């Protein structure tokens, strides 16, 4: 006869628990502090040419505010969705959210968020992700249509995509806003040269199509 096994009882005790910070539940002031902390972290990484890590820090900073009514009112091109999270539709956002701020507060917060998108545009450009770089520049221009740095970033991204006409238009507008900026002038000269080369290549291609080179005559026997 087999012995009957005695029942063993185990008591489990939860000693500690932690979960990731839900930045969407932070108060307004705490969201701003979190944004500034992550942006400063991203800036330090970008200065060290660690653009991939900087992009992650900037993205965390953006996640702190992109679900807020203020962000969606300020950036009409953005819907503010975070994957797996509830977010109100941009159409639900009311403009009066901006009216509760002084002009100085509104300007400071707008400039901070625009700079964040421009930093993300730079990181994407450095990684060769021109579509993403262009999208972040577009978002910044949605809030500040004449922002020279945003035009410069979008022009750079367009050039990286081989869209010379779009790059030229943006860089010319950026140069009008900041005529003394050497980086803008250098990029503008570069795109103008590339556009000339592109047009010359196209001209030669069509010339060869419609005017083929004459066939050589065979030598007499």
N, C-alpha and C. Protein backbone atom coordinates (compact mmCIF):
# COMPACT_ATOMS: atom_id res chain seq x y z
N UNK A 1 0.86 -1.20 0.00
CA UNK A 1 0.00 0.00 0.00
C UNK A 1 0.89 1.24 0.00
N UNK A 2 0.57 2.16 -0.91
CA UNK A 2 1.39 3.36 -1.04
C UNK A 2 1.05 4.35 0.07
N UNK A 3 2.07 5.02 0.61
CA UNK A 3 1.80 6.02 1.65
C UNK A 3 1.07 7.23 1.07
N UNK A 4 0.19 7.79 1.85
CA UNK A 4 -0.55 8.99 1.41
C UNK A 4 0.31 10.21 1.68
N UNK A 5 0.49 11.01 0.62
CA UNK A 5 1.31 12.21 0.77
C UNK A 5 0.57 13.27 1.57
N UNK A 6 1.27 13.87 2.50
CA UNK A 6 0.66 14.93 3.30
C UNK A 6 0.55 16.20 2.47
N UNK A 7 -0.52 16.96 2.72
CA UNK A 7 -0.70 18.21 2.02
C UNK A 7 0.24 19.26 2.60
N UNK A 8 0.85 20.01 1.71
CA UNK A 8 1.71 21.11 2.13
C UNK A 8 1.02 22.43 1.83
N UNK A 9 1.04 23.33 2.76
CA UNK A 9 0.43 24.65 2.58
C UNK A 9 1.53 25.70 2.51
N UNK A 10 1.40 26.60 1.56
CA UNK A 10 2.37 27.66 1.39
C UNK A 10 1.66 29.01 1.53
N UNK A 11 2.27 29.89 2.23
CA UNK A 11 1.72 31.23 2.37
C UNK A 11 2.61 32.20 1.58
N UNK A 12 2.01 32.93 0.65
CA UNK A 12 2.75 33.89 -0.16
C UNK A 12 2.47 35.29 0.35
N UNK A 13 3.50 36.03 0.48
CA UNK A 13 3.34 37.42 0.94
C UNK A 13 3.96 38.35 -0.09
N UNK A 14 3.20 39.35 -0.50
CA UNK A 14 3.69 40.35 -1.44
C UNK A 14 4.44 41.40 -0.64
N UNK A 15 5.75 41.40 -0.80
CA UNK A 15 6.57 42.30 0.00
C UNK A 15 6.66 43.69 -0.60
N UNK A 16 6.63 43.75 -1.92
CA UNK A 16 6.78 45.07 -2.55
C UNK A 16 6.18 44.99 -3.94
N UNK A 17 5.77 46.10 -4.46
CA UNK A 17 5.22 46.17 -5.82
C UNK A 17 5.52 47.53 -6.40
N UNK A 18 5.75 47.53 -7.66
CA UNK A 18 5.99 48.80 -8.34
C UNK A 18 5.47 48.68 -9.75
N UNK A 19 5.12 49.79 -10.34
CA UNK A 19 4.68 49.80 -11.73
C UNK A 19 5.21 51.04 -12.40
N UNK A 20 5.23 51.00 -13.72
CA UNK A 20 5.76 52.13 -14.46
C UNK A 20 4.90 53.36 -14.22
N UNK A 21 5.55 54.49 -14.21
CA UNK A 21 4.86 55.76 -14.01
C UNK A 21 3.92 56.03 -15.18
N UNK A 22 2.66 56.28 -14.86
CA UNK A 22 1.69 56.66 -15.90
C UNK A 22 1.73 58.17 -16.01
N UNK A 23 2.53 58.66 -16.95
CA UNK A 23 2.72 60.11 -17.06
C UNK A 23 1.45 60.82 -17.46
N UNK A 24 0.52 60.06 -18.07
CA UNK A 24 -0.74 60.68 -18.45
C UNK A 24 -1.60 61.07 -17.25
N UNK A 25 -1.30 60.51 -16.06
CA UNK A 25 -2.07 60.81 -14.86
C UNK A 25 -1.42 61.90 -14.02
N UNK A 26 -0.27 62.39 -14.44
CA UNK A 26 0.41 63.44 -13.67
C UNK A 26 -0.36 64.75 -13.76
N UNK A 27 -0.24 65.55 -12.72
CA UNK A 27 -0.79 66.90 -12.77
C UNK A 27 -0.01 67.73 -13.78
N UNK A 28 -0.62 68.84 -14.18
CA UNK A 28 -0.04 69.68 -15.23
C UNK A 28 1.38 70.10 -14.89
N UNK A 29 1.60 70.58 -13.69
CA UNK A 29 2.93 71.05 -13.30
C UNK A 29 3.94 69.90 -13.28
N UNK A 30 3.49 68.72 -12.85
CA UNK A 30 4.39 67.56 -12.81
C UNK A 30 4.74 67.09 -14.23
N UNK A 31 3.77 67.17 -15.14
CA UNK A 31 4.04 66.82 -16.54
C UNK A 31 5.11 67.73 -17.12
N UNK A 32 5.01 69.02 -16.83
CA UNK A 32 5.99 69.98 -17.35
C UNK A 32 7.38 69.69 -16.78
N UNK A 33 7.43 69.39 -15.47
CA UNK A 33 8.73 69.08 -14.85
C UNK A 33 9.33 67.82 -15.46
N UNK A 34 8.49 66.80 -15.67
CA UNK A 34 8.97 65.56 -16.29
C UNK A 34 9.48 65.84 -17.70
N UNK A 35 8.74 66.65 -18.47
CA UNK A 35 9.15 67.00 -19.83
C UNK A 35 10.51 67.67 -19.82
N UNK A 36 10.67 68.67 -18.96
CA UNK A 36 11.93 69.42 -18.93
C UNK A 36 13.10 68.53 -18.51
N UNK A 37 12.85 67.61 -17.58
CA UNK A 37 13.90 66.70 -17.13
C UNK A 37 14.36 65.79 -18.27
N UNK A 38 13.40 65.21 -18.97
CA UNK A 38 13.74 64.30 -20.08
C UNK A 38 14.35 65.07 -21.24
N UNK A 39 13.89 66.27 -21.49
CA UNK A 39 14.47 67.06 -22.58
C UNK A 39 15.92 67.42 -22.27
N UNK A 40 16.20 67.80 -21.03
CA UNK A 40 17.57 68.09 -20.63
C UNK A 40 18.46 66.86 -20.79
N UNK A 41 17.90 65.69 -20.43
CA UNK A 41 18.63 64.43 -20.61
C UNK A 41 18.91 64.19 -22.09
N UNK A 42 17.90 64.41 -22.92
CA UNK A 42 18.09 64.25 -24.37
C UNK A 42 19.12 65.21 -24.93
N UNK A 43 19.10 66.45 -24.45
CA UNK A 43 20.08 67.44 -24.93
C UNK A 43 21.50 67.02 -24.61
N UNK A 44 21.71 66.49 -23.41
CA UNK A 44 23.04 66.03 -23.02
C UNK A 44 23.50 64.89 -23.92
N UNK A 45 22.59 63.98 -24.23
CA UNK A 45 22.93 62.85 -25.10
C UNK A 45 23.21 63.33 -26.53
N UNK A 46 22.41 64.28 -27.00
CA UNK A 46 22.61 64.79 -28.36
C UNK A 46 23.95 65.50 -28.49
N UNK A 47 24.35 66.24 -27.45
CA UNK A 47 25.65 66.92 -27.49
C UNK A 47 26.79 65.91 -27.56
N UNK A 48 26.55 64.70 -27.06
CA UNK A 48 27.56 63.64 -27.13
C UNK A 48 27.40 62.79 -28.39
N UNK A 49 26.56 63.27 -29.33
CA UNK A 49 26.31 62.56 -30.59
C UNK A 49 25.67 61.18 -30.39
N UNK A 50 24.96 61.02 -29.29
CA UNK A 50 24.24 59.77 -29.02
C UNK A 50 22.77 60.01 -29.37
N UNK A 51 22.52 60.15 -30.67
CA UNK A 51 21.22 60.61 -31.14
C UNK A 51 20.12 59.58 -30.95
N UNK A 52 20.44 58.31 -31.04
CA UNK A 52 19.42 57.29 -30.84
C UNK A 52 18.89 57.33 -29.41
N UNK A 53 19.79 57.44 -28.44
CA UNK A 53 19.37 57.52 -27.04
C UNK A 53 18.68 58.84 -26.75
N UNK A 54 19.17 59.91 -27.39
CA UNK A 54 18.53 61.22 -27.21
C UNK A 54 17.09 61.19 -27.70
N UNK A 55 16.88 60.49 -28.82
CA UNK A 55 15.53 60.40 -29.37
C UNK A 55 14.57 59.73 -28.38
N UNK A 56 15.05 58.71 -27.69
CA UNK A 56 14.20 58.03 -26.69
C UNK A 56 13.84 58.98 -25.56
N UNK A 57 14.80 59.78 -25.12
CA UNK A 57 14.53 60.74 -24.04
C UNK A 57 13.54 61.80 -24.49
N UNK A 58 13.72 62.30 -25.70
CA UNK A 58 12.79 63.30 -26.23
C UNK A 58 11.39 62.71 -26.40
N UNK A 59 11.31 61.46 -26.81
CA UNK A 59 10.01 60.81 -26.99
C UNK A 59 9.31 60.64 -25.64
N UNK A 60 10.06 60.30 -24.61
CA UNK A 60 9.46 60.20 -23.28
C UNK A 60 8.93 61.57 -22.83
N UNK A 61 9.68 62.61 -23.13
CA UNK A 61 9.24 63.96 -22.78
C UNK A 61 7.94 64.30 -23.51
N UNK A 62 7.87 63.95 -24.78
CA UNK A 62 6.68 64.24 -25.57
C UNK A 62 5.48 63.45 -25.07
N UNK A 63 5.71 62.20 -24.67
CA UNK A 63 4.62 61.36 -24.16
C UNK A 63 3.98 61.95 -22.91
N UNK A 64 4.73 62.80 -22.20
CA UNK A 64 4.20 63.39 -20.98
C UNK A 64 3.06 64.36 -21.26
N UNK A 65 3.01 64.88 -22.48
CA UNK A 65 2.04 65.95 -22.75
C UNK A 65 1.18 65.71 -23.98
N UNK A 66 1.49 64.72 -24.80
CA UNK A 66 0.81 64.63 -26.08
C UNK A 66 -0.66 64.23 -25.96
N UNK A 67 -1.08 63.74 -24.79
CA UNK A 67 -2.50 63.43 -24.60
C UNK A 67 -3.28 64.59 -24.01
N UNK A 68 -2.60 65.68 -23.69
CA UNK A 68 -3.27 66.79 -23.03
C UNK A 68 -4.03 67.66 -24.02
N UNK A 69 -5.06 68.32 -23.52
CA UNK A 69 -5.84 69.22 -24.37
C UNK A 69 -4.98 70.37 -24.87
N UNK A 70 -4.04 70.83 -24.03
CA UNK A 70 -3.17 71.93 -24.44
C UNK A 70 -2.35 71.55 -25.66
N UNK A 71 -1.76 70.35 -25.64
CA UNK A 71 -0.92 69.92 -26.76
C UNK A 71 -1.73 69.83 -28.04
N UNK A 72 -2.91 69.25 -27.96
CA UNK A 72 -3.71 69.04 -29.15
C UNK A 72 -4.29 70.36 -29.69
N UNK A 73 -4.51 71.31 -28.80
CA UNK A 73 -4.96 72.62 -29.26
C UNK A 73 -3.83 73.40 -29.92
N UNK A 74 -2.61 73.18 -29.43
CA UNK A 74 -1.46 73.90 -29.95
C UNK A 74 -0.98 73.34 -31.28
N UNK A 75 -1.06 72.01 -31.44
CA UNK A 75 -0.58 71.36 -32.66
C UNK A 75 -1.77 70.75 -33.40
N UNK A 76 -2.39 71.50 -34.29
CA UNK A 76 -3.60 71.01 -34.96
C UNK A 76 -3.37 69.82 -35.88
N UNK A 77 -2.12 69.56 -36.26
CA UNK A 77 -1.85 68.43 -37.15
C UNK A 77 -1.70 67.13 -36.40
N UNK A 78 -1.65 67.18 -35.06
CA UNK A 78 -1.42 65.99 -34.26
C UNK A 78 -2.69 65.56 -33.55
N UNK A 79 -2.90 64.24 -33.46
CA UNK A 79 -4.05 63.72 -32.73
C UNK A 79 -3.66 63.29 -31.32
N UNK A 80 -2.34 63.19 -31.06
CA UNK A 80 -1.89 62.91 -29.71
C UNK A 80 -2.10 61.50 -29.22
N UNK A 81 -2.19 60.52 -30.11
CA UNK A 81 -2.45 59.14 -29.68
C UNK A 81 -1.18 58.45 -29.20
N UNK A 82 -1.29 57.68 -28.15
CA UNK A 82 -0.24 56.79 -27.70
C UNK A 82 -0.80 55.38 -27.80
N UNK A 83 -0.05 54.48 -28.40
CA UNK A 83 -0.53 53.12 -28.61
C UNK A 83 -0.90 52.46 -27.29
N UNK A 84 -2.11 51.89 -27.25
CA UNK A 84 -2.57 51.18 -26.05
C UNK A 84 -3.15 52.07 -24.98
N UNK A 85 -3.25 53.36 -25.26
CA UNK A 85 -3.78 54.28 -24.25
C UNK A 85 -5.00 55.01 -24.80
N UNK A 86 -5.90 55.39 -23.88
CA UNK A 86 -7.06 56.17 -24.31
C UNK A 86 -6.64 57.59 -24.58
N UNK A 87 -7.14 58.16 -25.66
CA UNK A 87 -6.84 59.55 -25.98
C UNK A 87 -8.06 60.17 -26.62
N UNK A 88 -8.41 61.35 -26.17
CA UNK A 88 -9.52 62.05 -26.78
C UNK A 88 -9.18 62.45 -28.21
N UNK A 89 -10.18 62.49 -29.03
CA UNK A 89 -9.98 62.91 -30.41
C UNK A 89 -9.68 64.39 -30.45
N UNK A 90 -8.89 64.78 -31.46
CA UNK A 90 -8.51 66.19 -31.57
C UNK A 90 -9.74 67.08 -31.69
N UNK A 91 -10.82 66.56 -32.27
CA UNK A 91 -12.02 67.36 -32.44
C UNK A 91 -12.71 67.69 -31.13
N UNK A 92 -12.37 66.94 -30.08
CA UNK A 92 -12.98 67.19 -28.77
C UNK A 92 -12.30 68.32 -28.03
N UNK A 93 -11.12 68.73 -28.48
CA UNK A 93 -10.34 69.74 -27.78
C UNK A 93 -10.93 71.11 -28.03
N UNK A 94 -11.09 71.89 -27.00
CA UNK A 94 -11.63 73.22 -27.15
C UNK A 94 -10.53 74.26 -27.04
N UNK A 95 -10.58 75.26 -27.90
CA UNK A 95 -9.56 76.30 -27.92
C UNK A 95 -9.45 77.08 -26.61
N UNK A 96 -10.55 77.26 -25.82
CA UNK A 96 -10.41 78.03 -24.58
C UNK A 96 -9.34 77.53 -23.64
N UNK A 97 -8.85 76.28 -23.84
CA UNK A 97 -7.78 75.78 -22.98
C UNK A 97 -6.56 76.68 -23.05
N UNK A 98 -6.35 77.33 -24.19
CA UNK A 98 -5.21 78.22 -24.37
C UNK A 98 -5.45 79.60 -23.76
N UNK A 99 -6.71 79.93 -23.58
CA UNK A 99 -7.04 81.26 -23.10
C UNK A 99 -6.80 81.41 -21.60
N UNK A 100 -6.59 80.29 -20.90
CA UNK A 100 -6.33 80.37 -19.47
C UNK A 100 -4.89 80.70 -19.13
N UNK A 101 -4.05 80.87 -20.14
CA UNK A 101 -2.63 81.17 -19.92
C UNK A 101 -2.32 82.61 -20.31
N UNK A 102 -1.34 83.20 -19.64
CA UNK A 102 -0.88 84.53 -20.05
C UNK A 102 -0.10 84.39 -21.35
N UNK A 103 0.04 85.46 -22.12
CA UNK A 103 0.83 85.38 -23.36
C UNK A 103 2.24 84.86 -23.14
N UNK A 104 2.84 85.23 -22.00
CA UNK A 104 4.20 84.77 -21.71
C UNK A 104 4.22 83.27 -21.43
N UNK A 105 3.24 82.78 -20.67
CA UNK A 105 3.16 81.35 -20.38
C UNK A 105 2.90 80.55 -21.66
N UNK A 106 2.00 81.04 -22.47
CA UNK A 106 1.68 80.35 -23.72
C UNK A 106 2.89 80.29 -24.64
N UNK A 107 3.61 81.41 -24.76
CA UNK A 107 4.79 81.45 -25.62
C UNK A 107 5.87 80.49 -25.12
N UNK A 108 6.10 80.48 -23.79
CA UNK A 108 7.14 79.63 -23.23
C UNK A 108 6.82 78.16 -23.45
N UNK A 109 5.58 77.75 -23.22
CA UNK A 109 5.20 76.34 -23.38
C UNK A 109 5.19 75.94 -24.85
N UNK A 110 4.73 76.86 -25.70
CA UNK A 110 4.74 76.56 -27.14
C UNK A 110 6.17 76.38 -27.65
N UNK A 111 7.06 77.29 -27.26
CA UNK A 111 8.46 77.19 -27.71
C UNK A 111 9.12 75.92 -27.21
N UNK A 112 8.78 75.52 -25.98
CA UNK A 112 9.35 74.30 -25.42
C UNK A 112 8.93 73.08 -26.21
N UNK A 113 7.66 73.00 -26.59
CA UNK A 113 7.17 71.85 -27.34
C UNK A 113 7.65 71.86 -28.78
N UNK A 114 7.73 73.03 -29.37
CA UNK A 114 8.26 73.13 -30.74
C UNK A 114 9.72 72.67 -30.76
N UNK A 115 10.49 73.11 -29.76
CA UNK A 115 11.90 72.69 -29.68
C UNK A 115 12.01 71.18 -29.53
N UNK A 116 11.08 70.59 -28.80
CA UNK A 116 11.10 69.14 -28.61
C UNK A 116 10.89 68.42 -29.94
N UNK A 117 9.94 68.87 -30.74
CA UNK A 117 9.72 68.27 -32.06
C UNK A 117 10.93 68.49 -32.98
N UNK A 118 11.55 69.65 -32.89
CA UNK A 118 12.72 69.91 -33.73
C UNK A 118 13.90 69.04 -33.32
N UNK A 119 14.03 68.78 -32.02
CA UNK A 119 15.10 67.88 -31.56
C UNK A 119 14.86 66.45 -32.06
N UNK A 120 13.60 66.03 -32.04
CA UNK A 120 13.27 64.71 -32.57
C UNK A 120 13.50 64.65 -34.07
N UNK A 121 13.24 65.75 -34.76
CA UNK A 121 13.51 65.82 -36.19
C UNK A 121 15.00 65.66 -36.46
N UNK A 122 15.83 66.33 -35.67
CA UNK A 122 17.28 66.24 -35.83
C UNK A 122 17.76 64.81 -35.60
N UNK A 123 17.27 64.17 -34.53
CA UNK A 123 17.70 62.80 -34.23
C UNK A 123 17.31 61.85 -35.36
N UNK A 124 16.10 62.01 -35.89
CA UNK A 124 15.66 61.16 -36.99
C UNK A 124 16.51 61.40 -38.23
N UNK A 125 16.83 62.65 -38.49
CA UNK A 125 17.67 62.98 -39.66
C UNK A 125 19.05 62.34 -39.53
N UNK A 126 19.62 62.41 -38.34
CA UNK A 126 20.94 61.82 -38.12
C UNK A 126 20.92 60.31 -38.30
N UNK A 127 19.76 59.70 -38.05
CA UNK A 127 19.62 58.25 -38.21
C UNK A 127 19.21 57.87 -39.64
N UNK A 128 19.07 58.86 -40.51
CA UNK A 128 18.66 58.59 -41.89
C UNK A 128 17.17 58.34 -42.03
N UNK A 129 16.38 58.66 -41.01
CA UNK A 129 14.93 58.45 -41.05
C UNK A 129 14.26 59.75 -41.50
N UNK A 130 14.35 60.01 -42.79
CA UNK A 130 13.93 61.31 -43.31
C UNK A 130 12.42 61.53 -43.23
N UNK A 131 11.64 60.47 -43.36
CA UNK A 131 10.19 60.61 -43.27
C UNK A 131 9.80 61.08 -41.87
N UNK A 132 10.39 60.47 -40.86
CA UNK A 132 10.09 60.85 -39.48
C UNK A 132 10.61 62.25 -39.18
N UNK A 133 11.79 62.56 -39.68
CA UNK A 133 12.35 63.90 -39.49
C UNK A 133 11.44 64.96 -40.09
N UNK A 134 10.91 64.65 -41.25
CA UNK A 134 10.03 65.60 -41.93
C UNK A 134 8.70 65.75 -41.17
N UNK A 135 8.20 64.64 -40.63
CA UNK A 135 6.93 64.70 -39.90
C UNK A 135 7.04 65.57 -38.66
N UNK A 136 8.14 65.44 -37.92
CA UNK A 136 8.29 66.27 -36.72
C UNK A 136 8.45 67.75 -37.09
N UNK A 137 9.15 68.03 -38.18
CA UNK A 137 9.27 69.41 -38.63
C UNK A 137 7.91 69.96 -39.06
N UNK A 138 7.11 69.13 -39.73
CA UNK A 138 5.75 69.52 -40.11
C UNK A 138 4.92 69.87 -38.89
N UNK A 139 5.05 69.06 -37.83
CA UNK A 139 4.28 69.31 -36.61
C UNK A 139 4.67 70.65 -36.00
N UNK A 140 5.96 70.93 -35.96
CA UNK A 140 6.43 72.21 -35.43
C UNK A 140 5.89 73.38 -36.26
N UNK A 141 5.87 73.21 -37.57
CA UNK A 141 5.37 74.27 -38.45
C UNK A 141 3.86 74.43 -38.33
N UNK A 142 3.16 73.39 -37.85
CA UNK A 142 1.74 73.52 -37.59
C UNK A 142 1.45 74.55 -36.52
N UNK A 143 2.37 74.70 -35.57
CA UNK A 143 2.22 75.69 -34.50
C UNK A 143 2.88 77.01 -34.85
N UNK A 144 4.02 76.94 -35.55
CA UNK A 144 4.78 78.15 -35.90
C UNK A 144 5.17 78.08 -37.39
N UNK A 145 4.29 78.51 -38.28
CA UNK A 145 4.51 78.34 -39.73
C UNK A 145 5.76 79.01 -40.27
N UNK A 146 6.28 80.02 -39.58
CA UNK A 146 7.46 80.73 -40.08
C UNK A 146 8.72 80.43 -39.28
N UNK A 147 8.69 79.34 -38.52
CA UNK A 147 9.86 78.98 -37.72
C UNK A 147 11.01 78.57 -38.64
N UNK A 148 12.09 79.34 -38.63
CA UNK A 148 13.21 79.12 -39.56
C UNK A 148 13.87 77.77 -39.33
N UNK A 149 14.04 77.37 -38.08
CA UNK A 149 14.70 76.10 -37.81
C UNK A 149 13.83 74.93 -38.27
N UNK A 150 12.51 75.05 -38.12
CA UNK A 150 11.62 74.00 -38.58
C UNK A 150 11.66 73.89 -40.11
N UNK A 151 11.70 75.03 -40.78
CA UNK A 151 11.82 75.02 -42.25
C UNK A 151 13.15 74.40 -42.67
N UNK A 152 14.20 74.71 -41.92
CA UNK A 152 15.51 74.14 -42.21
C UNK A 152 15.51 72.63 -42.04
N UNK A 153 14.92 72.15 -40.93
CA UNK A 153 14.88 70.71 -40.68
C UNK A 153 14.04 70.00 -41.75
N UNK A 154 12.91 70.60 -42.13
CA UNK A 154 12.08 69.96 -43.15
C UNK A 154 12.77 69.98 -44.50
N UNK A 155 13.50 71.06 -44.79
CA UNK A 155 14.26 71.13 -46.04
C UNK A 155 15.36 70.08 -46.08
N UNK A 156 16.05 69.90 -44.97
CA UNK A 156 17.08 68.85 -44.88
C UNK A 156 16.49 67.47 -45.15
N UNK A 157 15.34 67.20 -44.51
CA UNK A 157 14.71 65.89 -44.67
C UNK A 157 14.24 65.68 -46.11
N UNK A 158 13.69 66.73 -46.71
CA UNK A 158 13.24 66.62 -48.11
C UNK A 158 14.42 66.36 -49.03
N UNK A 159 15.54 67.01 -48.76
CA UNK A 159 16.74 66.77 -49.55
C UNK A 159 17.21 65.33 -49.39
N UNK A 160 17.14 64.81 -48.18
CA UNK A 160 17.51 63.42 -47.94
C UNK A 160 16.62 62.45 -48.68
N UNK A 161 15.39 62.86 -48.94
CA UNK A 161 14.46 62.03 -49.70
C UNK A 161 14.58 62.23 -51.21
N UNK A 162 15.46 63.15 -51.61
CA UNK A 162 15.63 63.42 -53.03
C UNK A 162 14.55 64.32 -53.60
N UNK A 163 13.80 65.01 -52.74
CA UNK A 163 12.77 65.94 -53.20
C UNK A 163 13.36 67.35 -53.24
N UNK A 164 14.06 67.64 -54.32
CA UNK A 164 14.86 68.85 -54.41
C UNK A 164 14.02 70.12 -54.42
N UNK A 165 12.89 70.09 -55.10
CA UNK A 165 12.05 71.28 -55.19
C UNK A 165 11.50 71.66 -53.81
N UNK A 166 11.00 70.67 -53.09
CA UNK A 166 10.48 70.94 -51.76
C UNK A 166 11.57 71.42 -50.81
N UNK A 167 12.75 70.81 -50.91
CA UNK A 167 13.88 71.24 -50.08
C UNK A 167 14.27 72.67 -50.39
N UNK A 168 14.31 73.01 -51.67
CA UNK A 168 14.69 74.36 -52.08
C UNK A 168 13.70 75.38 -51.53
N UNK A 169 12.40 75.09 -51.64
CA UNK A 169 11.38 76.02 -51.16
C UNK A 169 11.52 76.28 -49.66
N UNK A 170 11.68 75.22 -48.88
CA UNK A 170 11.79 75.38 -47.43
C UNK A 170 13.07 76.10 -47.04
N UNK A 171 14.17 75.76 -47.68
CA UNK A 171 15.45 76.38 -47.33
C UNK A 171 15.49 77.85 -47.74
N UNK A 172 14.84 78.19 -48.83
CA UNK A 172 14.76 79.60 -49.23
C UNK A 172 13.96 80.40 -48.21
N UNK A 173 12.87 79.82 -47.74
CA UNK A 173 12.06 80.49 -46.70
C UNK A 173 12.85 80.62 -45.40
N UNK A 174 13.60 79.58 -45.05
CA UNK A 174 14.42 79.63 -43.84
C UNK A 174 15.49 80.72 -43.96
N UNK A 175 16.10 80.83 -45.15
CA UNK A 175 17.13 81.84 -45.38
C UNK A 175 16.55 83.25 -45.30
N UNK A 176 15.32 83.42 -45.72
CA UNK A 176 14.66 84.72 -45.61
C UNK A 176 14.46 85.11 -44.15
N UNK A 177 14.16 84.11 -43.31
CA UNK A 177 13.95 84.38 -41.89
C UNK A 177 15.27 84.64 -41.17
N UNK A 178 16.30 83.89 -41.55
CA UNK A 178 17.61 84.01 -40.88
C UNK A 178 18.71 84.11 -41.94
N UNK A 179 18.84 85.27 -42.59
CA UNK A 179 19.78 85.41 -43.71
C UNK A 179 21.25 85.27 -43.32
N UNK A 180 21.57 85.42 -42.05
CA UNK A 180 22.97 85.35 -41.63
C UNK A 180 23.38 83.95 -41.15
N UNK A 181 22.45 83.03 -41.12
CA UNK A 181 22.76 81.70 -40.61
C UNK A 181 23.59 80.92 -41.63
N UNK A 182 24.78 80.52 -41.24
CA UNK A 182 25.70 79.85 -42.17
C UNK A 182 25.23 78.44 -42.53
N UNK A 183 24.65 77.74 -41.56
CA UNK A 183 24.19 76.37 -41.84
C UNK A 183 23.08 76.38 -42.88
N UNK A 184 22.17 77.33 -42.74
CA UNK A 184 21.07 77.42 -43.71
C UNK A 184 21.62 77.78 -45.09
N UNK A 185 22.54 78.74 -45.14
CA UNK A 185 23.10 79.15 -46.43
C UNK A 185 23.85 77.99 -47.08
N UNK A 186 24.61 77.24 -46.29
CA UNK A 186 25.37 76.12 -46.84
C UNK A 186 24.44 75.03 -47.38
N UNK A 187 23.36 74.74 -46.64
CA UNK A 187 22.41 73.72 -47.10
C UNK A 187 21.66 74.20 -48.34
N UNK A 188 21.37 75.50 -48.39
CA UNK A 188 20.70 76.06 -49.56
C UNK A 188 21.60 75.97 -50.78
N UNK A 189 22.88 76.29 -50.63
CA UNK A 189 23.83 76.17 -51.75
C UNK A 189 23.92 74.72 -52.21
N UNK A 190 23.90 73.80 -51.25
CA UNK A 190 24.00 72.39 -51.59
C UNK A 190 22.80 71.91 -52.40
N UNK A 191 21.61 72.30 -51.98
CA UNK A 191 20.41 71.84 -52.68
C UNK A 191 20.31 72.50 -54.07
N UNK A 192 20.76 73.73 -54.18
CA UNK A 192 20.75 74.38 -55.50
C UNK A 192 21.69 73.67 -56.46
N UNK A 193 22.86 73.26 -55.97
CA UNK A 193 23.80 72.53 -56.80
C UNK A 193 23.25 71.17 -57.19
N UNK A 194 22.66 70.48 -56.22
CA UNK A 194 22.09 69.16 -56.51
C UNK A 194 20.92 69.26 -57.48
N UNK A 195 20.15 70.34 -57.38
CA UNK A 195 19.02 70.52 -58.29
C UNK A 195 19.50 70.75 -59.71
N UNK A 196 20.57 71.52 -59.86
CA UNK A 196 21.15 71.73 -61.19
C UNK A 196 21.66 70.42 -61.77
N UNK A 197 22.35 69.65 -60.94
CA UNK A 197 22.86 68.36 -61.41
C UNK A 197 21.71 67.42 -61.79
N UNK A 198 20.65 67.45 -61.00
CA UNK A 198 19.49 66.59 -61.27
C UNK A 198 18.85 66.97 -62.60
N UNK A 199 18.68 68.27 -62.83
CA UNK A 199 18.07 68.72 -64.08
C UNK A 199 18.95 68.39 -65.27
N UNK A 200 20.26 68.51 -65.11
CA UNK A 200 21.18 68.18 -66.20
C UNK A 200 21.13 66.69 -66.52
N UNK A 201 21.03 65.87 -65.46
CA UNK A 201 20.92 64.42 -65.68
C UNK A 201 19.65 64.08 -66.43
N UNK A 202 18.54 64.71 -66.04
CA UNK A 202 17.27 64.47 -66.73
C UNK A 202 17.34 64.91 -68.19
N UNK A 203 17.99 66.06 -68.44
CA UNK A 203 18.10 66.57 -69.80
C UNK A 203 18.89 65.60 -70.68
N UNK A 204 19.97 65.09 -70.14
CA UNK A 204 20.78 64.12 -70.91
C UNK A 204 20.02 62.83 -71.15
N UNK A 205 19.22 62.43 -70.16
CA UNK A 205 18.45 61.20 -70.30
C UNK A 205 17.43 61.33 -71.43
N UNK A 206 16.71 62.43 -71.47
CA UNK A 206 15.72 62.63 -72.53
C UNK A 206 16.39 62.84 -73.89
N UNK A 207 17.56 63.46 -73.89
CA UNK A 207 18.28 63.65 -75.15
C UNK A 207 18.67 62.29 -75.75
N UNK A 208 19.09 61.38 -74.88
CA UNK A 208 19.47 60.05 -75.37
C UNK A 208 18.26 59.25 -75.84
N UNK A 209 17.09 59.53 -75.24
CA UNK A 209 15.89 58.80 -75.64
C UNK A 209 15.40 59.26 -77.01
N UNK A 210 15.35 60.58 -77.21
CA UNK A 210 14.78 61.11 -78.45
C UNK A 210 15.81 61.34 -79.56
N UNK A 211 17.07 61.41 -79.19
CA UNK A 211 18.12 61.61 -80.18
C UNK A 211 19.21 60.57 -79.97
N UNK A 212 18.94 59.33 -80.34
CA UNK A 212 19.95 58.28 -80.12
C UNK A 212 21.20 58.55 -80.94
N UNK A 213 22.31 58.11 -80.42
CA UNK A 213 23.58 58.31 -81.13
C UNK A 213 23.56 57.55 -82.45
N UNK A 214 24.12 58.16 -83.52
CA UNK A 214 24.13 57.48 -84.84
C UNK A 214 24.94 56.19 -84.79
N UNK A 215 24.43 55.20 -85.53
CA UNK A 215 25.15 53.94 -85.58
C UNK A 215 26.40 54.07 -86.42
N UNK A 216 27.43 53.42 -85.97
CA UNK A 216 28.68 53.46 -86.73
C UNK A 216 28.57 52.59 -87.96
N UNK A 217 29.11 53.08 -89.11
CA UNK A 217 29.05 52.33 -90.35
C UNK A 217 30.12 51.26 -90.36
N UNK A 218 29.80 50.08 -90.88
CA UNK A 218 30.82 49.02 -90.94
C UNK A 218 31.95 49.39 -91.88
N UNK A 219 33.13 49.01 -91.54
CA UNK A 219 34.31 49.30 -92.40
C UNK A 219 34.23 48.47 -93.68
N UNK A 220 34.63 49.08 -94.80
CA UNK A 220 34.62 48.31 -96.07
C UNK A 220 35.57 47.13 -96.02
N UNK A 221 35.15 46.06 -96.66
CA UNK A 221 35.98 44.85 -96.67
C UNK A 221 37.23 45.07 -97.49
